[in-house]
Amino acid sequence: MNKLKLEVFFSFLLMSNFFIMFMLFMYMVLNNCSYMISWEIFNVMSLFVELDILLDWVSCSFSSLVCLISSSICIFSVSYMKGDLNVKRFMMILMLFVLSMNFLIFIPSFVSLILGWDGLGLVSFCLVIYYQNNKSLSAGMLTVLMNRVGDCFILAGISIMSFMGHWNYLCIWYFWFFEICMIFVVIAGMTKSAQIPFSSWLPAAMAAPTPVSALVHSSTLVTAGVFLLIRFYNHLVEVAFFCNFLLFISIMTTFMSGLCAIYEYDMKKVIALSTLSQLGVMMMSLGLKMPMLALFHLYTHAMFKALLFLCGGNIIHNFFGMQDIRDLKGISYMLPFTSIIFNISNMALCGFPFLAGFYSKDLIIEMVLTSNMNMLIGIFSLFGVCLTMLYSMRLSMYMIWGDVKSVVYENMNDNDLYVIVSMLILCMGALFGGFMLQSLVIYFNEVIIMPTMYKLMVSFLLMFSLLFSFSLWMFGLNKMSYDLIYWCNSKMWFMSSLSGYPFMMMMKNITNMNLKVVDMGWLEMLGGQGILKMIKKLMYVMEWWMVILFNINLIVIMFIIFMF
């Protein structure tokens, strides 16, 4: 009973915080104001170290969203983590995760930002290794080490910003090494948001419990990088190649994740790769100079992606840990409520009209089509819509509408009150969140004048992809043999291999060979032992010559004595 009370208490606390932050958000939007609280910790000569708290409509709205999703996940965890012996520890770590994210949201000081930034990385490691097996440990190590790359660049940026005498990123001016500092910020954001070549940790982090995945992959860890770039956006655009570089990286990430999701059979990894695809869309918006639309898509994506993970978690819970979509069949007959919610969140992900994803995603693609863009960018952005539909429909065709294969039909139900309440809260966001946010925030609205053909192109591609998906996954056209393509895409273009165990073994073999051939071989012969041997031989030669010369000298002296 105590465990139950703890989870419900945390959920109530987070929901209360959601209402407070939402009221503050409404006040900030209506009055067009913001507040900053600053506390000077200490100063050394002209260098000031301060703890700042920024209250504006962006931070308040993002914090309210994080608290709403976290509250729903706490309610869901009552059912999902039932019977777990360490559920109290799990809830405490989850709250630390939410606290770290709020530090990141509200602190505009670069040096204090490390509290939230580093906290997210360390707490995510604790959550990924929660099940304490070899798979979880390897996934946790990959996650934390990949994120440590971004932490190192953040620390390097802090050291460079000491030239200005403060670390408040709202008041940055041009200084020495300004471009290098901004490059470090971009790389840090890329590691947290898992852009190429740092993408391999995101599917590996699926080793965590599903409520953690719902929180990590919707509104906290993976969006931290995008949020950081949005905060720094006004300074980043001053760097000459920022937009082109980010555009190229984001398009590659979207394309790679969409293709790999089609060849993946682990349900949680398919959802994780869809998260990676949407992160690419957000980064593409930043590259195309649309930071507010990137923030809008971040908000709408958080609601339907958390819902998608909760549905997946309920399916895994009822199927006793099974995640392979080839074995999850006929869920519409066994779990009808979960199937309905799952389809709603999938449709929102694909951008079906008047759902949450439609308002942000459609707006971004329309802005791409009407902007001064390269034709390749337009093709890839439209191709991303098709890929999203393909892997989403594949997931539904395998799981929801497949033939029943389970032998435990009578043990399955989705009438748990905690599951229903948590899903309904987020379902409201997936259905009406996009419309509400666009109505409330003027920055999420764009007046676009475009030809009718361009306007209907996205909807046409959506319907074409839907029909193509039905034909592809229903009539078995996907069973053609593409061994090389399957091998490449199922390995995430070998990024998981390059950053995982095989790469470590290869580096270990190289270092061992280097140790034997170079360090204990040539270097020993040319220095160290080699010099010692050379000196020994030199000393032997010198000693030999000294004996010879001494004997010669002695003979000469004796000869002179006897002669005279």
Protein backbone atom coordinates (compact mmCIF):
# COMPACT_ATOMS: atom_id res chain seq x y z
CA MET A 1 0.00 0.00 0.00
CA ASN A 2 2.90 2.35 0.77
CA LYS A 3 4.32 1.81 -2.72
CA LEU A 4 0.96 2.65 -4.24
CA LYS A 5 0.67 5.82 -2.16
CA LEU A 6 4.16 6.92 -3.17
CA GLU A 7 3.43 6.69 -6.91
CA VAL A 8 0.04 8.39 -6.58
CA PHE A 9 1.62 11.12 -4.43
CA PHE A 10 4.30 11.82 -7.04
CA SER A 11 1.66 11.85 -9.76
CA PHE A 12 -0.46 14.34 -7.79
CA LEU A 13 2.61 16.51 -7.14
CA LEU A 14 3.54 16.60 -10.83
CA MET A 15 -0.06 17.30 -11.88
CA SER A 16 -0.20 20.22 -9.45
CA ASN A 17 3.03 21.56 -10.89
CA PHE A 18 1.54 21.18 -14.37
CA PHE A 19 -1.42 23.40 -13.48
CA ILE A 20 0.85 26.03 -11.87
CA MET A 21 3.20 26.13 -14.86
CA PHE A 22 0.30 26.19 -17.30
CA MET A 23 -1.23 29.21 -15.52
CA LEU A 24 2.15 30.94 -15.60
CA PHE A 25 2.47 30.08 -19.31
CA MET A 26 -0.94 31.62 -20.02
CA TYR A 27 -0.01 34.74 -18.04
CA MET A 28 3.30 35.12 -19.91
CA VAL A 29 1.65 34.68 -23.32
CA LEU A 30 -1.23 37.09 -22.65
CA ASN A 31 0.98 39.79 -21.11
CA ASN A 32 4.02 39.21 -23.36
CA CYS A 33 6.43 39.32 -20.43
CA SER A 34 9.17 37.27 -18.80
CA TYR A 35 11.05 37.33 -15.51
CA MET A 36 14.59 36.40 -14.50
CA ILE A 37 15.77 35.71 -10.96
CA SER A 38 19.54 35.94 -10.43
CA TRP A 39 21.58 34.92 -7.39
CA GLU A 40 25.28 35.72 -7.37
CA ILE A 41 27.14 32.80 -5.80
CA PHE A 42 30.62 34.30 -5.90
CA ASN A 43 32.85 36.46 -8.10
CA VAL A 44 36.55 36.35 -8.78
CA MET A 45 37.87 39.70 -10.03
CA SER A 46 35.66 40.38 -13.08
CA LEU A 47 34.29 36.81 -13.39
CA PHE A 48 30.78 36.35 -11.99
CA VAL A 49 29.31 32.94 -11.15
CA GLU A 50 25.52 33.23 -10.82
CA LEU A 51 22.52 30.95 -10.48
CA ASP A 52 19.86 32.36 -12.80
CA ILE A 53 16.25 31.22 -13.22
CA LEU A 54 14.42 32.34 -16.37
CA LEU A 55 10.62 32.40 -16.35
CA ASP A 56 9.27 32.98 -19.85
CA TRP A 57 6.53 31.37 -21.94
CA VAL A 58 8.94 28.81 -23.49
CA SER A 59 10.27 27.51 -20.16
CA CYS A 60 6.86 27.50 -18.44
CA SER A 61 5.12 25.72 -21.34
CA PHE A 62 7.88 23.11 -21.67
CA SER A 63 7.94 22.49 -17.90
CA SER A 64 4.14 22.07 -17.81
CA LEU A 65 4.36 19.55 -20.66
CA VAL A 66 7.12 17.57 -18.92
CA CYS A 67 5.12 17.50 -15.68
CA LEU A 68 1.92 16.39 -17.46
CA ILE A 69 3.67 13.50 -19.24
CA SER A 70 5.60 12.52 -16.09
CA SER A 71 2.38 12.50 -14.07
CA SER A 72 0.70 10.17 -16.60
CA ILE A 73 3.75 7.90 -16.57
CA CYS A 74 3.69 7.73 -12.75
CA ILE A 75 0.04 6.62 -12.90
CA PHE A 76 0.92 4.02 -15.55
CA SER A 77 3.87 2.78 -13.45
CA VAL A 78 1.47 1.72 -10.68
CA SER A 79 0.22 -1.03 -12.98
CA TYR A 80 3.38 -1.69 -15.02
CA MET A 81 5.82 -1.94 -12.09
CA LYS A 82 3.42 -3.94 -9.89
CA GLY A 83 5.34 -6.68 -8.09
CA ASP A 84 8.72 -5.03 -8.58
CA LEU A 85 10.75 -5.14 -5.37
CA ASN A 86 12.58 -1.86 -6.05
CA VAL A 87 9.67 0.27 -7.21
CA LYS A 88 10.42 2.93 -4.56
CA ARG A 89 13.96 3.31 -5.90
CA PHE A 90 12.55 3.44 -9.44
CA MET A 91 10.19 6.30 -8.58
CA MET A 92 12.91 8.27 -6.80
CA ILE A 93 15.23 8.01 -9.82
CA LEU A 94 12.35 8.99 -12.12
CA MET A 95 11.72 12.12 -10.03
CA LEU A 96 15.43 12.97 -10.18
CA PHE A 97 15.15 12.71 -13.96
CA VAL A 98 12.22 15.15 -14.06
CA LEU A 99 14.07 17.51 -11.69
CA SER A 100 17.18 17.47 -13.92
CA MET A 101 15.05 18.32 -16.95
CA ASN A 102 13.47 21.26 -15.12
CA PHE A 103 16.96 22.52 -14.19
CA LEU A 104 17.83 22.43 -17.88
CA ILE A 105 14.64 24.26 -18.85
CA PHE A 106 14.74 27.12 -16.34
CA ILE A 107 18.48 27.88 -16.01
CA PRO A 108 19.85 30.25 -18.69
CA SER A 109 23.38 30.30 -17.23
CA PHE A 110 25.78 28.09 -19.18
CA VAL A 111 27.79 27.12 -16.10
CA SER A 112 24.70 26.25 -14.00
CA LEU A 113 23.12 24.46 -16.96
CA ILE A 114 25.53 21.58 -16.32
CA LEU A 115 23.37 20.65 -13.29
CA GLY A 116 20.49 19.63 -15.53
CA TRP A 117 22.57 18.55 -18.53
CA ASP A 118 24.89 16.22 -16.62
CA GLY A 119 22.07 15.13 -14.32
CA LEU A 120 20.08 13.88 -17.33
CA GLY A 121 23.03 11.79 -18.53
CA LEU A 122 23.84 10.22 -15.15
CA VAL A 123 20.22 9.53 -14.12
CA SER A 124 19.45 8.06 -17.56
CA PHE A 125 22.34 5.62 -17.00
CA CYS A 126 20.76 4.54 -13.69
CA LEU A 127 17.40 4.03 -15.42
CA VAL A 128 18.77 2.13 -18.43
CA ILE A 129 20.65 -0.35 -16.20
CA TYR A 130 17.61 -0.74 -13.90
CA TYR A 131 17.06 -4.42 -14.76
CA GLN A 132 20.73 -5.20 -13.96
CA ASN A 133 21.65 -7.69 -16.66
CA ASN A 134 24.41 -7.75 -19.25
CA LYS A 135 22.24 -6.28 -22.02
CA SER A 136 21.12 -3.39 -19.80
CA LEU A 137 24.66 -2.71 -18.65
CA SER A 138 26.08 -2.59 -22.18
CA ALA A 139 23.20 -0.34 -23.32
CA GLY A 140 23.69 1.91 -20.28
CA MET A 141 27.42 2.22 -20.90
CA LEU A 142 26.83 3.08 -24.56
CA THR A 143 24.23 5.69 -23.54
CA VAL A 144 26.29 7.37 -20.84
CA LEU A 145 29.58 7.35 -22.79
CA MET A 146 27.94 8.78 -25.92
CA ASN A 147 26.33 11.51 -23.82
CA ARG A 148 29.64 12.21 -22.09
CA VAL A 149 30.93 13.40 -25.47
CA GLY A 150 28.34 16.18 -25.36
CA ASP A 151 29.16 16.89 -21.70
CA CYS A 152 32.83 17.40 -22.61
CA PHE A 153 31.88 19.90 -25.31
CA ILE A 154 29.61 21.73 -22.84
CA LEU A 155 32.52 21.99 -20.39
CA ALA A 156 34.78 23.23 -23.20
CA GLY A 157 32.15 25.85 -24.09
CA ILE A 158 32.00 26.96 -20.43
CA SER A 159 35.77 27.44 -20.37
CA ILE A 160 35.69 29.47 -23.60
CA MET A 161 32.80 31.67 -22.40
CA SER A 162 34.90 32.73 -19.40
CA PHE A 163 36.42 35.32 -21.84
CA MET A 164 33.17 37.31 -21.47
CA GLY A 165 33.20 37.33 -17.66
CA HIS A 166 29.75 35.70 -17.39
CA TRP A 167 27.90 32.63 -18.66
CA ASN A 168 24.38 33.93 -19.29
CA TYR A 169 23.55 32.85 -22.86
CA LEU A 170 20.85 35.53 -23.17
CA CYS A 171 23.57 38.20 -23.15
CA ILE A 172 26.30 36.77 -25.39
CA TRP A 173 28.22 39.20 -27.58
CA TYR A 174 30.86 38.53 -30.18
CA PHE A 175 34.21 37.65 -28.61
CA TRP A 176 37.33 35.66 -29.37
CA PHE A 177 36.57 32.02 -30.21
CA PHE A 178 32.82 32.80 -30.48
CA GLU A 179 32.44 30.46 -33.48
CA ILE A 180 34.29 27.64 -31.71
CA CYS A 181 32.02 27.99 -28.66
CA MET A 182 28.91 27.80 -30.85
CA ILE A 183 30.30 24.73 -32.67
CA PHE A 184 30.74 23.05 -29.28
CA VAL A 185 27.10 23.84 -28.43
CA VAL A 186 25.92 22.32 -31.73
CA ILE A 187 27.92 19.11 -31.16
CA ALA A 188 26.57 18.85 -27.59
CA GLY A 189 23.01 19.22 -28.90
CA MET A 190 23.67 16.57 -31.57
CA THR A 191 24.84 14.02 -28.99
CA LYS A 192 21.81 14.49 -26.72
CA SER A 193 19.37 14.41 -29.65
CA ALA A 194 21.15 11.41 -31.22
CA GLN A 195 21.87 12.92 -34.62
CA ILE A 196 24.27 11.14 -36.99
CA PRO A 197 26.95 9.97 -36.08
CA PHE A 198 25.74 9.77 -32.44
CA SER A 199 22.51 7.88 -33.20
CA SER A 200 23.37 4.39 -31.96
CA TRP A 201 22.65 5.00 -28.27
CA LEU A 202 18.96 5.85 -28.73
CA PRO A 203 17.67 2.37 -29.76
CA ALA A 204 20.08 0.79 -27.23
CA ALA A 205 18.44 2.80 -24.42
CA MET A 206 15.30 0.69 -24.96
CA ALA A 207 16.77 -1.72 -22.37
CA ALA A 208 15.17 0.55 -19.74
CA PRO A 209 11.64 -0.12 -18.39
CA THR A 210 8.93 1.11 -20.77
CA PRO A 211 7.72 3.99 -18.52
CA VAL A 212 11.30 5.29 -18.61
CA SER A 213 11.37 4.98 -22.40
CA ALA A 214 8.10 6.92 -22.60
CA LEU A 215 9.63 9.77 -20.58
CA VAL A 216 13.13 9.71 -22.10
CA HIS A 217 12.03 9.53 -25.73
CA SER A 218 9.15 11.97 -25.62
CA SER A 219 9.91 15.13 -23.67
CA THR A 220 13.16 14.88 -21.69
CA LEU A 221 16.55 13.44 -22.64
CA VAL A 222 16.36 13.36 -26.45
CA THR A 223 14.64 16.74 -26.68
CA ALA A 224 17.24 18.39 -24.43
CA GLY A 225 19.59 18.85 -27.39
CA VAL A 226 16.88 20.43 -29.57
CA PHE A 227 15.82 22.70 -26.69
CA LEU A 228 19.43 23.83 -26.14
CA LEU A 229 19.81 24.73 -29.83
CA ILE A 230 16.49 26.63 -29.74
CA ARG A 231 17.75 28.63 -26.74
CA PHE A 232 21.07 29.39 -28.45
CA TYR A 233 19.47 29.88 -31.89
CA ASN A 234 19.90 33.68 -32.11
CA HIS A 235 23.67 33.25 -31.65
CA LEU A 236 24.03 30.08 -33.70
CA VAL A 237 22.68 31.67 -36.89
CA GLU A 238 25.63 34.08 -36.81
CA VAL A 239 27.94 31.15 -37.53
CA ALA A 240 28.27 30.95 -41.32
CA PHE A 241 27.83 27.21 -41.97
CA PHE A 242 25.47 26.37 -39.06
CA CYS A 243 22.22 26.11 -41.06
CA ASN A 244 23.67 24.12 -43.97
CA PHE A 245 25.51 21.71 -41.66
CA LEU A 246 22.48 21.09 -39.42
CA LEU A 247 20.24 20.66 -42.47
CA PHE A 248 22.50 18.00 -43.95
CA ILE A 249 22.85 16.10 -40.65
CA SER A 250 19.11 16.20 -39.88
CA ILE A 251 18.11 14.98 -43.37
CA MET A 252 20.57 12.08 -43.11
CA THR A 253 19.20 11.21 -39.65
CA THR A 254 15.57 11.28 -40.81
CA PHE A 255 16.32 9.19 -43.89
CA MET A 256 18.44 6.64 -41.99
CA SER A 257 15.99 6.17 -39.10
CA GLY A 258 12.98 5.81 -41.44
CA LEU A 259 14.69 3.13 -43.52
CA CYS A 260 16.00 1.24 -40.48
CA ALA A 261 12.56 1.23 -38.82
CA ILE A 262 11.15 -0.68 -41.81
CA TYR A 263 13.67 -3.50 -41.25
CA GLU A 264 13.36 -3.67 -37.44
CA TYR A 265 11.27 -6.31 -35.62
CA ASP A 266 11.62 -5.12 -32.02
CA MET A 267 8.53 -3.02 -31.24
CA LYS A 268 10.28 -0.64 -28.83
CA LYS A 269 13.15 -0.11 -31.25
CA VAL A 270 10.72 0.74 -34.07
CA ILE A 271 9.14 3.40 -31.83
CA ALA A 272 12.63 4.62 -30.83
CA LEU A 273 13.63 4.95 -34.49
CA SER A 274 10.44 6.91 -35.15
CA THR A 275 11.55 9.26 -32.35
CA LEU A 276 14.89 9.63 -34.12
CA SER A 277 13.06 10.44 -37.35
CA GLN A 278 11.01 13.19 -35.68
CA LEU A 279 14.11 14.60 -34.00
CA GLY A 280 15.55 14.89 -37.51
CA VAL A 281 12.44 16.89 -38.53
CA MET A 282 12.96 19.26 -35.57
CA MET A 283 16.62 19.74 -36.45
CA MET A 284 15.65 20.29 -40.09
CA SER A 285 13.31 23.10 -38.95
CA LEU A 286 16.21 24.72 -37.12
CA GLY A 287 18.41 24.35 -40.21
CA LEU A 288 15.70 26.07 -42.28
CA LYS A 289 15.54 28.96 -39.74
CA MET A 290 12.21 27.99 -38.19
CA PRO A 291 12.98 27.62 -34.45
CA MET A 292 9.42 28.22 -33.25
CA LEU A 293 8.03 25.51 -35.52
CA ALA A 294 10.73 23.16 -34.21
CA LEU A 295 9.51 23.94 -30.67
CA PHE A 296 5.89 23.42 -31.76
CA HIS A 297 6.72 20.01 -33.23
CA LEU A 298 8.67 19.15 -30.08
CA TYR A 299 5.53 19.78 -27.98
CA THR A 300 3.10 17.87 -30.18
CA HIS A 301 5.56 14.99 -30.68
CA ALA A 302 6.03 14.66 -26.92
CA MET A 303 2.33 14.02 -26.35
CA PHE A 304 1.67 11.36 -28.99
CA LYS A 305 5.07 9.66 -28.59
CA ALA A 306 4.63 9.20 -24.82
CA LEU A 307 1.18 7.76 -25.57
CA LEU A 308 2.66 5.38 -28.16
CA PHE A 309 5.18 4.11 -25.62
CA LEU A 310 2.49 3.61 -22.97
CA CYS A 311 0.46 1.52 -25.41
CA GLY A 312 3.57 -0.49 -26.27
CA GLY A 313 4.32 -0.93 -22.57
CA ASN A 314 0.82 -2.24 -21.86
CA ILE A 315 1.15 -4.72 -24.74
CA ILE A 316 4.56 -5.90 -23.44
CA HIS A 317 3.15 -6.18 -19.91
CA ASN A 318 0.23 -8.34 -21.06
CA PHE A 319 2.42 -10.50 -23.29
CA PHE A 320 4.88 -11.14 -20.44
CA GLY A 321 7.83 -9.19 -21.87
CA MET A 322 7.47 -10.18 -25.52
CA GLN A 323 8.58 -7.40 -27.93
CA ASP A 324 8.99 -9.12 -31.31
CA ILE A 325 6.21 -7.85 -33.60
CA ARG A 326 6.20 -11.19 -35.47
CA ASP A 327 4.88 -12.84 -32.30
CA LEU A 328 2.48 -10.06 -31.27
CA LYS A 329 -0.65 -10.77 -33.30
CA GLY A 330 -4.35 -10.00 -32.98
CA ILE A 331 -4.03 -7.35 -30.29
CA SER A 332 -7.27 -5.71 -31.46
CA TYR A 333 -9.16 -8.79 -30.20
CA MET A 334 -7.30 -9.12 -26.90
CA LEU A 335 -6.67 -5.47 -25.94
CA PRO A 336 -9.31 -3.39 -27.78
CA PHE A 337 -8.86 -0.15 -25.78
CA THR A 338 -5.07 -0.23 -26.15
CA SER A 339 -5.46 -0.93 -29.88
CA ILE A 340 -7.67 2.14 -30.37
CA ILE A 341 -5.27 4.41 -28.48
CA PHE A 342 -2.29 2.86 -30.30
CA ASN A 343 -3.85 3.65 -33.68
CA ILE A 344 -4.69 7.22 -32.63
CA SER A 345 -1.07 7.87 -31.57
CA ASN A 346 0.19 6.23 -34.78
CA MET A 347 -2.07 8.44 -36.88
CA ALA A 348 -0.86 11.53 -35.00
CA LEU A 349 2.71 10.44 -35.71
CA CYS A 350 1.97 10.11 -39.43
CA GLY A 351 0.35 13.56 -39.51
CA PHE A 352 -3.27 12.65 -40.21
CA PRO A 353 -5.45 15.79 -40.55
CA PHE A 354 -6.57 17.53 -37.36
CA LEU A 355 -4.54 15.37 -34.97
CA ALA A 356 -1.65 16.86 -32.94
CA GLY A 357 1.12 15.88 -35.36
CA PHE A 358 -0.71 17.37 -38.35
CA TYR A 359 -0.58 20.97 -37.09
CA SER A 360 3.20 21.04 -36.61
CA LYS A 361 4.47 18.55 -39.18
CA ASP A 362 2.29 19.80 -42.04
CA LEU A 363 3.25 23.38 -41.25
CA ILE A 364 6.97 22.54 -41.34
CA ILE A 365 6.69 20.74 -44.69
CA GLU A 366 4.63 23.58 -46.19
CA MET A 367 7.26 26.07 -45.04
CA VAL A 368 9.93 23.86 -46.64
CA LEU A 369 8.02 23.80 -49.93
CA THR A 370 7.56 27.57 -50.02
CA SER A 371 11.06 28.48 -48.81
CA ASN A 372 14.12 29.20 -50.92
CA MET A 373 15.36 25.62 -50.73
CA ASN A 374 17.36 23.05 -52.60
CA MET A 375 15.16 20.57 -54.52
CA LEU A 376 16.90 17.69 -52.68
CA ILE A 377 15.68 19.03 -49.32
CA GLY A 378 12.09 19.10 -50.56
CA ILE A 379 12.32 15.55 -51.93
CA PHE A 380 13.78 14.19 -48.68
CA SER A 381 11.23 16.01 -46.51
CA LEU A 382 8.37 14.54 -48.56
CA PHE A 383 10.08 11.15 -48.58
CA GLY A 384 10.22 11.34 -44.77
CA VAL A 385 6.38 11.56 -44.74
CA CYS A 386 6.19 8.39 -46.84
CA LEU A 387 8.67 6.50 -44.63
CA THR A 388 6.78 7.49 -41.47
CA MET A 389 3.60 6.05 -42.91
CA LEU A 390 5.38 2.88 -44.06
CA TYR A 391 6.84 1.86 -40.72
CA SER A 392 3.79 3.00 -38.74
CA MET A 393 1.44 0.95 -40.90
CA ARG A 394 3.84 -1.99 -40.75
CA LEU A 395 3.67 -1.87 -36.96
CA SER A 396 -0.14 -1.81 -36.99
CA MET A 397 -0.44 -4.52 -39.67
CA TYR A 398 1.81 -6.89 -37.75
CA MET A 399 0.41 -6.27 -34.27
CA ILE A 400 -3.11 -4.86 -34.35
CA TRP A 401 -4.71 -6.55 -37.35
CA GLY A 402 -2.69 -9.76 -37.52
CA ASP A 403 -4.04 -13.25 -36.81
CA VAL A 404 -4.25 -14.34 -33.18
CA LYS A 405 -1.22 -16.43 -32.18
CA SER A 406 -1.29 -16.17 -28.38
CA VAL A 407 -1.97 -19.17 -26.16
CA VAL A 408 -2.83 -17.00 -23.12
CA TYR A 409 -5.85 -15.26 -24.60
CA GLU A 410 -7.94 -15.55 -21.41
CA ASN A 411 -5.28 -13.85 -19.23
CA MET A 412 -5.18 -10.58 -21.19
CA ASN A 413 -7.18 -7.45 -20.46
CA ASP A 414 -6.74 -3.71 -20.57
CA ASN A 415 -9.38 -2.73 -18.02
CA ASP A 416 -6.81 -1.59 -15.44
CA LEU A 417 -7.96 1.83 -14.18
CA TYR A 418 -4.42 3.23 -13.88
CA VAL A 419 -3.61 2.30 -17.48
CA ILE A 420 -6.88 3.76 -18.79
CA VAL A 421 -6.49 7.07 -16.91
CA SER A 422 -2.84 7.57 -17.96
CA MET A 423 -3.65 6.82 -21.61
CA LEU A 424 -6.74 9.04 -21.70
CA ILE A 425 -4.80 12.06 -20.35
CA LEU A 426 -2.22 11.78 -23.11
CA CYS A 427 -4.85 10.84 -25.71
CA MET A 428 -6.50 14.23 -25.19
CA GLY A 429 -3.13 15.80 -25.95
CA ALA A 430 -2.65 13.67 -29.07
CA LEU A 431 -6.13 14.59 -30.33
CA PHE A 432 -6.41 18.28 -29.42
CA GLY A 433 -2.91 19.38 -28.32
CA GLY A 434 -1.84 20.73 -31.71
CA PHE A 435 -5.00 22.81 -32.18
CA MET A 436 -4.83 24.21 -28.63
CA LEU A 437 -1.16 25.19 -28.85
CA GLN A 438 -1.61 26.80 -32.24
CA SER A 439 -4.60 28.75 -30.91
CA LEU A 440 -2.76 29.93 -27.78
CA VAL A 441 0.70 30.82 -29.13
CA ILE A 442 1.05 33.27 -31.99
CA TYR A 443 4.59 32.04 -32.75
CA PHE A 444 3.17 28.62 -33.70
CA ASN A 445 1.13 30.17 -36.50
CA GLU A 446 2.39 30.99 -39.98
CA VAL A 447 0.53 32.59 -42.87
CA ILE A 448 1.46 30.54 -45.93
CA ILE A 449 0.38 31.45 -49.46
CA MET A 450 1.03 28.55 -51.84
CA PRO A 451 -0.47 26.90 -54.93
CA THR A 452 -3.28 24.38 -54.44
CA MET A 453 -1.09 21.59 -55.82
CA TYR A 454 1.57 22.22 -53.16
CA LYS A 455 -1.08 22.36 -50.44
CA LEU A 456 -2.57 19.02 -51.43
CA MET A 457 0.79 17.35 -52.07
CA VAL A 458 1.35 16.30 -48.44
CA SER A 459 -2.17 14.88 -48.10
CA PHE A 460 -1.81 13.08 -51.42
CA LEU A 461 1.50 11.53 -50.34
CA LEU A 462 -0.10 10.50 -47.05
CA MET A 463 -2.92 8.64 -48.80
CA PHE A 464 -0.55 7.15 -51.39
CA SER A 465 1.75 5.88 -48.64
CA LEU A 466 -1.26 4.44 -46.80
CA LEU A 467 -2.42 2.45 -49.85
CA PHE A 468 1.14 1.41 -50.66
CA SER A 469 1.62 0.21 -47.05
CA PHE A 470 -1.53 -1.91 -47.22
CA SER A 471 -0.38 -3.54 -50.44
CA LEU A 472 3.17 -4.00 -49.18
CA TRP A 473 2.45 -5.49 -45.76
CA MET A 474 -0.83 -7.33 -46.47
CA PHE A 475 0.01 -9.15 -49.69
CA GLY A 476 3.56 -10.15 -48.79
CA LEU A 477 5.41 -7.99 -51.30
CA ASN A 478 7.95 -7.25 -48.58
CA LYS A 479 9.27 -10.82 -48.66
CA MET A 480 11.58 -10.17 -51.60
CA SER A 481 15.20 -11.00 -50.86
CA TYR A 482 17.29 -7.92 -50.11
CA ASP A 483 20.02 -9.48 -48.03
CA LEU A 484 22.59 -6.68 -48.32
CA ILE A 485 20.00 -3.91 -47.84
CA TYR A 486 18.44 -5.73 -44.88
CA TRP A 487 21.85 -6.30 -43.28
CA CYS A 488 22.86 -2.65 -43.69
CA ASN A 489 19.58 -1.16 -42.39
CA SER A 490 19.06 -3.60 -39.55
CA LYS A 491 22.49 -2.54 -38.23
CA MET A 492 21.62 1.20 -38.41
CA TRP A 493 24.14 1.69 -41.20
CA PHE A 494 26.71 -0.06 -38.95
CA MET A 495 26.68 2.81 -36.46
CA SER A 496 25.69 0.45 -33.64
CA SER A 497 28.61 -1.81 -34.58
CA LEU A 498 31.04 1.09 -34.79
CA SER A 499 30.11 2.37 -31.34
CA GLY A 500 29.47 -0.98 -29.67
CA TYR A 501 31.22 -4.22 -28.79
CA PRO A 502 32.76 -5.06 -32.22
CA PHE A 503 34.38 -1.63 -32.42
CA MET A 504 35.72 -1.99 -28.90
CA MET A 505 37.15 -5.43 -29.75
CA MET A 506 38.75 -4.03 -32.91
CA MET A 507 40.29 -1.16 -30.94
CA LYS A 508 41.44 -3.61 -28.27
CA ASN A 509 43.17 -5.78 -30.88
CA ILE A 510 44.78 -2.72 -32.48
CA THR A 511 46.03 -1.47 -29.12
CA ASN A 512 47.34 -4.92 -28.16
CA MET A 513 49.20 -5.16 -31.47
CA ASN A 514 50.48 -1.63 -30.96
CA LEU A 515 51.66 -2.59 -27.46
CA LYS A 516 53.54 -5.65 -28.68
CA VAL A 517 54.96 -4.29 -31.96
CA VAL A 518 55.57 -0.63 -31.09
CA ASP A 519 55.63 -0.11 -27.33
CA MET A 520 57.27 -3.41 -26.39
CA GLY A 521 58.99 -3.79 -29.77
CA TRP A 522 60.49 -0.96 -31.77
CA LEU A 523 60.23 1.64 -29.03
CA GLU A 524 62.02 -0.71 -26.63
CA MET A 525 64.74 -1.31 -29.21
CA LEU A 526 65.12 2.37 -30.09
CA GLY A 527 64.68 3.67 -26.55
CA GLY A 528 64.65 2.28 -23.03
CA GLN A 529 66.03 -1.25 -23.28
CA GLY A 530 67.76 -0.47 -26.61
CA ILE A 531 69.68 2.47 -25.16
CA LEU A 532 70.58 0.38 -22.10
CA LYS A 533 71.97 -2.39 -24.29
CA MET A 534 73.86 0.13 -26.42
CA ILE A 535 75.37 1.76 -23.34
CA LYS A 536 76.32 -1.68 -21.96
CA LYS A 537 78.06 -2.60 -25.22
CA LEU A 538 79.77 0.78 -25.29
CA MET A 539 80.97 0.31 -21.74
CA TYR A 540 82.25 -3.20 -22.57
CA VAL A 541 84.18 -1.79 -25.56
CA MET A 542 85.55 1.07 -23.49
CA GLU A 543 86.53 -1.31 -20.69
CA TRP A 544 88.28 -3.58 -23.23
CA TRP A 545 90.16 -0.66 -24.74
CA MET A 546 91.07 0.67 -21.32
CA VAL A 547 92.58 -2.74 -20.37
CA ILE A 548 94.52 -2.87 -23.66
CA LEU A 549 95.77 0.71 -23.33
CA PHE A 550 96.70 0.15 -19.66
CA ASN A 551 98.70 -2.96 -20.58
CA ILE A 552 100.42 -1.15 -23.47
CA ASN A 553 101.20 1.79 -21.20
CA LEU A 554 102.58 -0.58 -18.54
CA ILE A 555 104.77 -2.39 -21.07
CA VAL A 556 106.15 0.89 -22.41
CA ILE A 557 106.95 2.11 -18.89
CA MET A 558 108.66 -1.19 -17.97
CA PHE A 559 110.62 -1.11 -21.21
CA ILE A 560 111.85 2.42 -20.54
CA ILE A 561 112.83 1.48 -16.95
CA PHE A 562 114.85 -1.54 -18.07
CA MET A 563 116.52 0.36 -20.90
CA PHE A 564 117.79 3.19 -18.75
